[in-house]
Protein backbone atom coordinates (compact mmCIF):
# COMPACT_ATOMS: atom_id res chain seq x y z
CA UNK A 1 134.65 68.49 117.45
CA UNK A 2 135.20 71.98 118.85
CA UNK A 3 135.44 74.94 116.53
CA UNK A 4 138.46 77.16 116.70
CA UNK A 5 137.98 80.80 117.65
CA UNK A 6 138.80 81.79 114.08
CA UNK A 7 136.07 79.50 112.73
CA UNK A 8 133.60 81.04 115.18
CA UNK A 9 134.66 84.55 114.11
CA UNK A 10 134.17 83.57 110.47
CA UNK A 11 130.71 82.19 111.28
CA UNK A 12 129.80 85.42 113.08
CA UNK A 13 130.99 87.52 110.13
CA UNK A 14 128.89 85.45 107.71
CA UNK A 15 125.83 85.79 109.93
CA UNK A 16 126.35 89.55 110.21
CA UNK A 17 126.40 89.76 106.40
CA UNK A 18 123.23 87.66 106.22
CA UNK A 19 121.56 89.91 108.79
CA UNK A 20 122.50 93.04 106.89
CA UNK A 21 121.14 91.58 103.64
CA UNK A 22 117.88 90.54 105.35
CA UNK A 23 117.47 94.01 106.90
CA UNK A 24 118.05 95.60 103.49
CA UNK A 25 115.39 93.38 101.89
CA UNK A 26 112.94 94.22 104.68
CA UNK A 27 113.66 97.94 104.41
CA UNK A 28 113.17 97.92 100.65
CA UNK A 29 109.88 96.02 100.97
CA UNK A 30 108.54 98.34 103.63
CA UNK A 31 109.75 101.38 101.70
CA UNK A 32 107.91 100.25 98.55
CA UNK A 33 104.72 99.79 100.56
CA UNK A 34 105.13 103.24 102.13
CA UNK A 35 105.59 104.85 98.72
CA UNK A 36 102.48 103.13 97.38
CA UNK A 37 100.56 104.38 100.41
CA UNK A 38 101.66 107.95 99.65
CA UNK A 39 103.79 108.44 102.74
CA UNK A 40 106.57 110.17 100.84
CA UNK A 41 104.27 113.13 100.24
CA UNK A 42 103.40 113.66 103.90
CA UNK A 43 105.48 116.06 105.96
CA UNK A 44 105.93 114.48 109.38
CA UNK A 45 108.70 114.57 111.93
CA UNK A 46 110.79 111.38 112.01
CA UNK A 47 110.19 110.94 115.75
CA UNK A 48 106.42 111.17 115.26
CA UNK A 49 106.56 108.74 112.36
CA UNK A 50 108.63 106.27 114.36
CA UNK A 51 106.16 106.50 117.26
CA UNK A 52 103.33 105.73 114.84
CA UNK A 53 105.27 102.74 113.47
CA UNK A 54 105.78 101.45 117.00
CA UNK A 55 102.02 101.69 117.61
CA UNK A 56 101.39 99.68 114.45
CA UNK A 57 103.97 97.07 115.46
CA UNK A 58 102.26 96.68 118.85
CA UNK A 59 98.91 96.30 117.13
CA UNK A 60 100.08 93.49 114.90
CA UNK A 61 102.17 91.75 117.56
CA UNK A 62 99.13 91.68 119.83
CA UNK A 63 97.16 89.61 117.30
CA UNK A 64 97.24 85.92 116.60
CA UNK A 65 100.67 84.46 115.92
CA UNK A 66 101.42 84.48 112.22
CA UNK A 67 98.43 86.65 111.36
CA UNK A 68 98.51 89.39 108.79
CA UNK A 69 96.47 92.56 108.71
CA UNK A 70 94.33 91.18 105.88
CA UNK A 71 93.31 88.19 107.98
CA UNK A 72 92.37 90.25 111.03
CA UNK A 73 89.49 91.81 109.14
CA UNK A 74 87.09 94.04 110.99
CA UNK A 75 84.85 96.80 109.71
CA UNK A 76 87.77 98.63 108.13
CA UNK A 77 89.58 95.61 106.69
CA UNK A 78 92.18 95.50 109.45
CA UNK A 79 93.27 99.09 108.78
CA UNK A 80 93.27 101.88 111.32
CA UNK A 81 93.43 105.59 110.78
CA UNK A 82 97.14 105.26 111.60
CA UNK A 83 97.82 103.92 108.06
CA UNK A 84 99.83 100.77 108.91
CA UNK A 85 101.14 100.22 105.40
CA UNK A 86 102.80 103.61 105.30
CA UNK A 87 104.00 103.68 108.86
CA UNK A 88 106.07 100.59 108.34
CA UNK A 89 108.42 102.67 106.21
CA UNK A 90 110.14 104.22 109.23
CA UNK A 91 112.15 101.10 109.82
CA UNK A 92 113.24 101.30 106.19
CA UNK A 93 115.22 104.42 106.95
CA UNK A 94 116.63 102.95 110.11
CA UNK A 95 117.87 99.63 108.74
């Protein structure tokens, strides 16, 4: 059975609400991590912070599918001097 255009519009509206709620949850989670990492006390330009977040995102996307920083290990426990936990907070302000 085909859906009417109104049913499709209603479905889209529901999905947009779900997306907004998911983005809010993600932003809050990342923000909490950034606060714990002390990022709120660092004075840094938003553009520089976003660039650092993008570098961190590339780093973690380049790893094994489904891996987390903890699992990647290494001499520094999967951390770089770029402070991945704090840098993730940039998307919190953008969501």
